[in-house]
Structure formats: structure tokens, C-alpha cells
Amino acid sequence: MRLMYAYISIHSENYTEKVQSKILENYLVNILGFQKVSHLTFCKALHGESIRLRGIPAGLNGNYAYDTLEGIEEVNLIEIDLPNYSNDIIETDISNVAIAISKELSWIIDEDRGLNGHDRLTTTAIQ
């Protein structure tokens, strides 16, 4: 069981490339089956756990600060929040979502990705 906040970060190399929020929303909702919660915030149920994902505009060093995502039209960072309870099945499914997004956008999954099973993500997805 997880006791601290954990997430997976997916971002463009050096945070320089951005994706339009409408394109990201279309991909997440229509291809990956997420539901839109609010602008650039999505969720999906996986094995009884709710997985939350956010698109975020980040600086060139990956830092960010925002009061609201409303009005943001482009993002260069996606964070997938990991649930408090996790097991191998949930972690594999979350890894598959992260890999699908990274391949679709040609982005990078951070090496420190928050999952117990670090070997679940292939090195080709991490780049």
C-alpha cells in the first residue's frame, strides 16, 4: 500500500515540445477511454481504483505552478497519479497507459516513475 503521493511523469524531451489540449483530450477520451473531469484533468477506473491524469504546462526545467488549468491550450507534461492501493495488475495497466501516451506523443517517461515494478516499462518507452 502507498502512503505518499506518487505519480508518473510523461513529457517532451527538455520540455520543449507541446501538444494542444484539444488533441490530448481527444486521444485520452476517444482512444484510451478516460473521462474528462475538467479542462486537462481526466480519470479512468482500473480494477476498482480511480486513476487521475493531468496535462500541465511546465517550464523548461519541468517545474510548474498554476492556480487553474482553464484556458491552457498547450501542455508539455502529463502526470498520472497513482492510487493509494496498488498491485501488479493495476501497475501493469497504468504502465501500459503511460507507454501508450509516450509512444503517441513521442515523449519520455521519467526514469523515476513511481511504480514498484520499475522493470514493467520498457527501455524503448523510456528512451
N, C-alpha and C. Protein backbone atom coordinates (compact mmCIF):
# COMPACT_ATOMS: atom_id res chain seq x y z
N MET A 1 0.83 -1.18 0.00
CA MET A 1 0.00 0.00 0.00
C MET A 1 0.89 1.25 0.00
N ARG A 2 0.49 2.29 -0.75
CA ARG A 2 1.24 3.52 -0.84
C ARG A 2 0.81 4.49 0.26
N LEU A 3 1.77 5.16 0.86
CA LEU A 3 1.47 6.12 1.89
C LEU A 3 1.79 7.54 1.46
N MET A 4 2.53 7.71 0.39
CA MET A 4 2.87 9.04 -0.08
C MET A 4 2.32 9.26 -1.49
N TYR A 5 2.25 10.51 -1.88
CA TYR A 5 1.78 10.90 -3.20
C TYR A 5 2.77 10.41 -4.24
N ALA A 6 2.28 9.65 -5.20
CA ALA A 6 3.15 9.13 -6.25
C ALA A 6 2.49 9.35 -7.60
N TYR A 7 3.30 9.55 -8.60
CA TYR A 7 2.78 9.79 -9.94
C TYR A 7 3.83 9.40 -10.98
N ILE A 8 3.36 9.27 -12.20
CA ILE A 8 4.24 9.04 -13.35
C ILE A 8 4.25 10.32 -14.17
N SER A 9 5.42 10.78 -14.57
CA SER A 9 5.54 11.97 -15.42
C SER A 9 5.90 11.54 -16.83
N ILE A 10 5.21 12.13 -17.78
CA ILE A 10 5.49 11.92 -19.20
C ILE A 10 5.65 13.31 -19.80
N HIS A 11 6.75 13.55 -20.49
CA HIS A 11 6.97 14.90 -21.01
C HIS A 11 7.78 14.86 -22.29
N SER A 12 7.72 15.98 -23.01
CA SER A 12 8.53 16.10 -24.21
C SER A 12 9.99 16.26 -23.79
N GLU A 13 10.88 15.90 -24.68
CA GLU A 13 12.31 15.99 -24.37
C GLU A 13 12.65 17.44 -24.07
N ASN A 14 13.31 17.66 -22.94
CA ASN A 14 13.68 19.00 -22.48
C ASN A 14 12.47 19.93 -22.34
N TYR A 15 11.29 19.36 -22.29
CA TYR A 15 10.03 20.11 -22.12
C TYR A 15 9.82 21.15 -23.22
N THR A 16 10.39 20.93 -24.40
CA THR A 16 10.31 21.95 -25.45
C THR A 16 9.11 21.78 -26.38
N GLU A 17 8.66 20.56 -26.60
CA GLU A 17 7.52 20.33 -27.49
C GLU A 17 6.24 20.30 -26.69
N LYS A 18 5.19 20.86 -27.28
CA LYS A 18 3.89 20.89 -26.61
C LYS A 18 2.84 20.22 -27.48
N VAL A 19 1.77 19.78 -26.82
CA VAL A 19 0.63 19.22 -27.52
C VAL A 19 -0.57 20.10 -27.19
N GLN A 20 -1.42 20.32 -28.17
CA GLN A 20 -2.61 21.12 -27.95
C GLN A 20 -3.58 20.36 -27.04
N SER A 21 -4.21 21.09 -26.15
CA SER A 21 -5.11 20.45 -25.18
C SER A 21 -6.25 19.71 -25.87
N LYS A 22 -6.76 20.21 -26.99
CA LYS A 22 -7.85 19.53 -27.70
C LYS A 22 -7.39 18.19 -28.28
N ILE A 23 -6.17 18.14 -28.77
CA ILE A 23 -5.63 16.89 -29.32
C ILE A 23 -5.41 15.89 -28.20
N LEU A 24 -4.85 16.34 -27.07
CA LEU A 24 -4.65 15.46 -25.93
C LEU A 24 -5.99 14.93 -25.42
N GLU A 25 -6.96 15.81 -25.27
CA GLU A 25 -8.28 15.39 -24.79
C GLU A 25 -8.90 14.35 -25.72
N ASN A 26 -8.85 14.58 -27.00
CA ASN A 26 -9.40 13.63 -27.97
C ASN A 26 -8.75 12.26 -27.83
N TYR A 27 -7.43 12.23 -27.72
CA TYR A 27 -6.71 10.97 -27.59
C TYR A 27 -7.08 10.25 -26.29
N LEU A 28 -7.06 10.97 -25.19
CA LEU A 28 -7.34 10.34 -23.89
C LEU A 28 -8.77 9.83 -23.80
N VAL A 29 -9.72 10.60 -24.28
CA VAL A 29 -11.13 10.22 -24.17
C VAL A 29 -11.51 9.17 -25.21
N ASN A 30 -11.19 9.43 -26.46
CA ASN A 30 -11.68 8.57 -27.55
C ASN A 30 -10.82 7.33 -27.79
N ILE A 31 -9.56 7.37 -27.46
CA ILE A 31 -8.69 6.22 -27.71
C ILE A 31 -8.40 5.43 -26.42
N LEU A 32 -8.06 6.14 -25.34
CA LEU A 32 -7.69 5.45 -24.11
C LEU A 32 -8.84 5.27 -23.12
N GLY A 33 -10.00 5.87 -23.41
CA GLY A 33 -11.18 5.64 -22.58
C GLY A 33 -11.23 6.40 -21.26
N PHE A 34 -10.51 7.50 -21.16
CA PHE A 34 -10.60 8.34 -19.96
C PHE A 34 -11.87 9.19 -20.03
N GLN A 35 -12.32 9.65 -18.90
CA GLN A 35 -13.44 10.59 -18.82
C GLN A 35 -12.88 11.95 -18.45
N LYS A 36 -13.41 12.98 -19.07
CA LYS A 36 -12.98 14.34 -18.75
C LYS A 36 -13.63 14.76 -17.44
N VAL A 37 -12.81 15.21 -16.49
CA VAL A 37 -13.29 15.71 -15.20
C VAL A 37 -13.42 17.23 -15.28
N SER A 38 -12.40 17.85 -15.81
CA SER A 38 -12.37 19.30 -16.05
C SER A 38 -11.31 19.52 -17.12
N HIS A 39 -11.08 20.77 -17.48
CA HIS A 39 -10.11 21.06 -18.52
C HIS A 39 -8.74 20.47 -18.14
N LEU A 40 -8.22 19.60 -18.98
CA LEU A 40 -6.92 18.95 -18.84
C LEU A 40 -6.81 18.01 -17.63
N THR A 41 -7.93 17.62 -17.06
CA THR A 41 -7.95 16.65 -15.98
C THR A 41 -8.90 15.53 -16.36
N PHE A 42 -8.41 14.29 -16.26
CA PHE A 42 -9.16 13.13 -16.74
C PHE A 42 -9.06 12.02 -15.70
N CYS A 43 -9.99 11.09 -15.73
CA CYS A 43 -9.92 9.94 -14.83
C CYS A 43 -10.39 8.69 -15.57
N LYS A 44 -9.99 7.56 -15.02
CA LYS A 44 -10.36 6.27 -15.57
C LYS A 44 -10.33 5.25 -14.44
N ALA A 45 -11.33 4.38 -14.39
CA ALA A 45 -11.35 3.32 -13.39
C ALA A 45 -10.57 2.12 -13.92
N LEU A 46 -9.64 1.65 -13.11
CA LEU A 46 -8.86 0.45 -13.43
C LEU A 46 -8.95 -0.49 -12.24
N HIS A 47 -9.62 -1.59 -12.43
CA HIS A 47 -9.73 -2.62 -11.38
C HIS A 47 -10.22 -2.04 -10.05
N GLY A 48 -11.22 -1.18 -10.14
CA GLY A 48 -11.83 -0.61 -8.94
C GLY A 48 -11.12 0.60 -8.37
N GLU A 49 -10.01 1.00 -8.94
CA GLU A 49 -9.29 2.19 -8.49
C GLU A 49 -9.43 3.29 -9.53
N SER A 50 -9.62 4.51 -9.07
CA SER A 50 -9.73 5.66 -9.97
C SER A 50 -8.34 6.22 -10.23
N ILE A 51 -7.99 6.33 -11.50
CA ILE A 51 -6.69 6.85 -11.91
C ILE A 51 -6.93 8.25 -12.47
N ARG A 52 -6.19 9.24 -11.97
CA ARG A 52 -6.33 10.61 -12.43
C ARG A 52 -5.11 11.01 -13.25
N LEU A 53 -5.36 11.77 -14.30
CA LEU A 53 -4.31 12.22 -15.21
C LEU A 53 -4.51 13.70 -15.47
N ARG A 54 -3.42 14.47 -15.50
CA ARG A 54 -3.50 15.89 -15.79
C ARG A 54 -2.48 16.27 -16.86
N GLY A 55 -2.89 17.14 -17.76
CA GLY A 55 -1.98 17.79 -18.68
C GLY A 55 -1.56 19.10 -18.06
N ILE A 56 -0.26 19.40 -18.08
CA ILE A 56 0.26 20.56 -17.35
C ILE A 56 1.25 21.32 -18.22
N PRO A 57 1.17 22.65 -18.21
CA PRO A 57 2.23 23.43 -18.86
C PRO A 57 3.40 23.57 -17.88
N ALA A 58 4.57 23.17 -18.31
CA ALA A 58 5.75 23.21 -17.43
C ALA A 58 6.84 24.07 -18.06
N GLY A 59 7.70 24.60 -17.20
CA GLY A 59 8.86 25.34 -17.68
C GLY A 59 9.89 24.39 -18.25
N LEU A 60 10.95 24.93 -18.79
CA LEU A 60 11.98 24.11 -19.45
C LEU A 60 12.72 23.19 -18.49
N ASN A 61 12.57 23.39 -17.19
CA ASN A 61 13.20 22.50 -16.21
C ASN A 61 12.18 21.54 -15.60
N GLY A 62 10.93 21.58 -16.08
CA GLY A 62 9.90 20.67 -15.59
C GLY A 62 9.11 21.20 -14.42
N ASN A 63 9.46 22.38 -13.93
CA ASN A 63 8.72 22.96 -12.81
C ASN A 63 7.43 23.60 -13.31
N TYR A 64 6.46 23.65 -12.43
CA TYR A 64 5.20 24.29 -12.79
C TYR A 64 4.53 24.86 -11.56
N ALA A 65 3.70 25.84 -11.81
CA ALA A 65 2.86 26.43 -10.77
C ALA A 65 1.64 27.00 -11.48
N TYR A 66 0.47 26.65 -11.00
CA TYR A 66 -0.74 27.16 -11.62
C TYR A 66 -1.87 27.16 -10.60
N ASP A 67 -2.79 28.08 -10.79
CA ASP A 67 -3.99 28.14 -9.95
C ASP A 67 -5.12 27.36 -10.61
N THR A 68 -5.14 27.37 -11.92
CA THR A 68 -6.16 26.67 -12.68
C THR A 68 -5.59 26.27 -14.04
N LEU A 69 -6.15 25.20 -14.59
CA LEU A 69 -5.75 24.79 -15.94
C LEU A 69 -6.70 25.35 -16.99
N GLU A 70 -7.75 26.02 -16.56
CA GLU A 70 -8.70 26.62 -17.50
C GLU A 70 -7.96 27.62 -18.40
N GLY A 71 -8.25 27.55 -19.67
CA GLY A 71 -7.65 28.46 -20.63
C GLY A 71 -6.30 28.01 -21.15
N ILE A 72 -5.70 26.97 -20.58
CA ILE A 72 -4.42 26.46 -21.08
C ILE A 72 -4.68 25.72 -22.39
N GLU A 73 -3.96 26.09 -23.43
CA GLU A 73 -4.20 25.50 -24.75
C GLU A 73 -3.14 24.50 -25.16
N GLU A 74 -1.98 24.50 -24.49
CA GLU A 74 -0.91 23.57 -24.82
C GLU A 74 -0.23 23.09 -23.54
N VAL A 75 0.20 21.82 -23.56
CA VAL A 75 0.93 21.27 -22.41
C VAL A 75 2.16 20.52 -22.89
N ASN A 76 3.13 20.39 -22.00
CA ASN A 76 4.34 19.63 -22.31
C ASN A 76 4.67 18.62 -21.22
N LEU A 77 3.73 18.41 -20.30
CA LEU A 77 3.91 17.47 -19.21
C LEU A 77 2.56 16.83 -18.88
N ILE A 78 2.58 15.52 -18.68
CA ILE A 78 1.39 14.79 -18.26
C ILE A 78 1.77 14.03 -17.00
N GLU A 79 0.93 14.15 -15.99
CA GLU A 79 1.15 13.39 -14.76
C GLU A 79 -0.02 12.44 -14.54
N ILE A 80 0.31 11.18 -14.28
CA ILE A 80 -0.68 10.17 -13.93
C ILE A 80 -0.52 9.90 -12.44
N ASP A 81 -1.53 10.25 -11.66
CA ASP A 81 -1.49 9.98 -10.22
C ASP A 81 -1.69 8.50 -9.98
N LEU A 82 -0.89 7.95 -9.11
CA LEU A 82 -1.01 6.54 -8.75
C LEU A 82 -1.94 6.41 -7.55
N PRO A 83 -2.76 5.38 -7.52
CA PRO A 83 -3.69 5.21 -6.40
C PRO A 83 -2.97 4.84 -5.11
N ASN A 84 -3.63 5.09 -3.98
CA ASN A 84 -3.06 4.71 -2.68
C ASN A 84 -2.87 3.21 -2.60
N TYR A 85 -3.83 2.45 -3.14
CA TYR A 85 -3.71 0.99 -3.15
C TYR A 85 -3.28 0.59 -4.55
N SER A 86 -2.35 -0.30 -4.63
CA SER A 86 -1.87 -0.75 -5.92
C SER A 86 -1.44 -2.21 -5.82
N ASN A 87 -1.50 -2.89 -6.97
CA ASN A 87 -0.98 -4.25 -7.07
C ASN A 87 -0.38 -4.41 -8.46
N ASP A 88 0.16 -5.57 -8.74
CA ASP A 88 0.82 -5.79 -10.03
C ASP A 88 -0.10 -5.56 -11.21
N ILE A 89 -1.36 -5.94 -11.09
CA ILE A 89 -2.31 -5.79 -12.20
C ILE A 89 -2.57 -4.32 -12.48
N ILE A 90 -2.83 -3.54 -11.44
CA ILE A 90 -3.08 -2.11 -11.61
C ILE A 90 -1.83 -1.41 -12.14
N GLU A 91 -0.67 -1.75 -11.58
CA GLU A 91 0.56 -1.12 -12.03
C GLU A 91 0.88 -1.45 -13.49
N THR A 92 0.59 -2.66 -13.91
CA THR A 92 0.80 -3.02 -15.31
C THR A 92 -0.13 -2.21 -16.22
N ASP A 93 -1.39 -2.07 -15.83
CA ASP A 93 -2.33 -1.29 -16.63
C ASP A 93 -1.93 0.19 -16.70
N ILE A 94 -1.49 0.74 -15.57
CA ILE A 94 -1.05 2.14 -15.57
C ILE A 94 0.21 2.28 -16.43
N SER A 95 1.11 1.33 -16.34
CA SER A 95 2.32 1.35 -17.19
C SER A 95 1.94 1.32 -18.65
N ASN A 96 0.96 0.51 -19.00
CA ASN A 96 0.51 0.42 -20.40
C ASN A 96 -0.07 1.75 -20.87
N VAL A 97 -0.81 2.44 -20.01
CA VAL A 97 -1.35 3.76 -20.36
C VAL A 97 -0.19 4.73 -20.58
N ALA A 98 0.78 4.75 -19.67
CA ALA A 98 1.93 5.65 -19.80
C ALA A 98 2.71 5.37 -21.08
N ILE A 99 2.92 4.12 -21.38
CA ILE A 99 3.65 3.75 -22.60
C ILE A 99 2.88 4.17 -23.84
N ALA A 100 1.56 3.96 -23.84
CA ALA A 100 0.74 4.35 -25.00
C ALA A 100 0.83 5.86 -25.23
N ILE A 101 0.74 6.64 -24.17
CA ILE A 101 0.82 8.10 -24.30
C ILE A 101 2.19 8.51 -24.79
N SER A 102 3.25 7.93 -24.22
CA SER A 102 4.60 8.32 -24.63
C SER A 102 4.86 7.97 -26.09
N LYS A 103 4.34 6.84 -26.54
CA LYS A 103 4.51 6.47 -27.95
C LYS A 103 3.70 7.38 -28.86
N GLU A 104 2.48 7.68 -28.47
CA GLU A 104 1.61 8.55 -29.29
C GLU A 104 2.22 9.93 -29.47
N LEU A 105 2.78 10.48 -28.41
CA LEU A 105 3.32 11.84 -28.46
C LEU A 105 4.82 11.89 -28.73
N SER A 106 5.47 10.72 -28.74
CA SER A 106 6.94 10.65 -28.85
C SER A 106 7.58 11.41 -27.70
N TRP A 107 7.04 11.20 -26.50
CA TRP A 107 7.54 11.83 -25.29
C TRP A 107 8.26 10.81 -24.43
N ILE A 108 8.81 11.25 -23.32
CA ILE A 108 9.64 10.46 -22.43
C ILE A 108 8.89 10.17 -21.13
N ILE A 109 9.02 8.96 -20.64
CA ILE A 109 8.53 8.63 -19.31
C ILE A 109 9.72 8.79 -18.37
N ASP A 110 9.53 9.59 -17.32
CA ASP A 110 10.63 9.81 -16.37
C ASP A 110 11.16 8.49 -15.83
N GLU A 111 12.46 8.44 -15.64
CA GLU A 111 13.10 7.26 -15.08
C GLU A 111 12.53 6.93 -13.70
N ASP A 112 12.31 7.95 -12.89
CA ASP A 112 11.74 7.76 -11.56
C ASP A 112 10.23 7.88 -11.70
N ARG A 113 9.59 6.78 -12.06
CA ARG A 113 8.20 6.84 -12.47
C ARG A 113 7.20 6.43 -11.41
N GLY A 114 7.62 6.14 -10.21
CA GLY A 114 6.69 5.94 -9.13
C GLY A 114 6.10 4.56 -8.97
N LEU A 115 6.37 3.63 -9.86
CA LEU A 115 5.83 2.29 -9.73
C LEU A 115 6.81 1.39 -8.98
N ASN A 116 6.28 0.43 -8.26
CA ASN A 116 7.13 -0.53 -7.57
C ASN A 116 7.92 -1.36 -8.57
N GLY A 117 7.26 -1.79 -9.63
CA GLY A 117 7.90 -2.65 -10.62
C GLY A 117 8.56 -1.84 -11.71
N HIS A 118 9.72 -1.25 -11.40
CA HIS A 118 10.40 -0.39 -12.36
C HIS A 118 10.68 -1.09 -13.69
N ASP A 119 10.77 -2.41 -13.67
CA ASP A 119 11.08 -3.12 -14.90
C ASP A 119 9.86 -3.27 -15.80
N ARG A 120 8.69 -2.84 -15.39
CA ARG A 120 7.49 -3.01 -16.20
C ARG A 120 7.49 -2.11 -17.43
N LEU A 121 8.16 -0.96 -17.36
CA LEU A 121 8.21 -0.08 -18.51
C LEU A 121 9.44 -0.43 -19.32
N THR A 122 9.25 -0.58 -20.59
CA THR A 122 10.37 -0.99 -21.42
C THR A 122 11.32 0.17 -21.64
N THR A 123 12.57 -0.12 -21.87
CA THR A 123 13.55 0.92 -22.10
C THR A 123 13.26 1.68 -23.39
N THR A 124 12.58 1.06 -24.34
CA THR A 124 12.25 1.79 -25.57
C THR A 124 11.21 2.87 -25.28
N ALA A 125 10.34 2.66 -24.30
CA ALA A 125 9.37 3.69 -23.94
C ALA A 125 10.04 4.81 -23.17
N ILE A 126 11.07 4.49 -22.41
CA ILE A 126 11.75 5.50 -21.61
C ILE A 126 12.69 6.33 -22.46
N GLN A 127 13.32 5.74 -23.44
CA GLN A 127 14.26 6.35 -24.37
C GLN A 127 15.49 6.79 -23.65
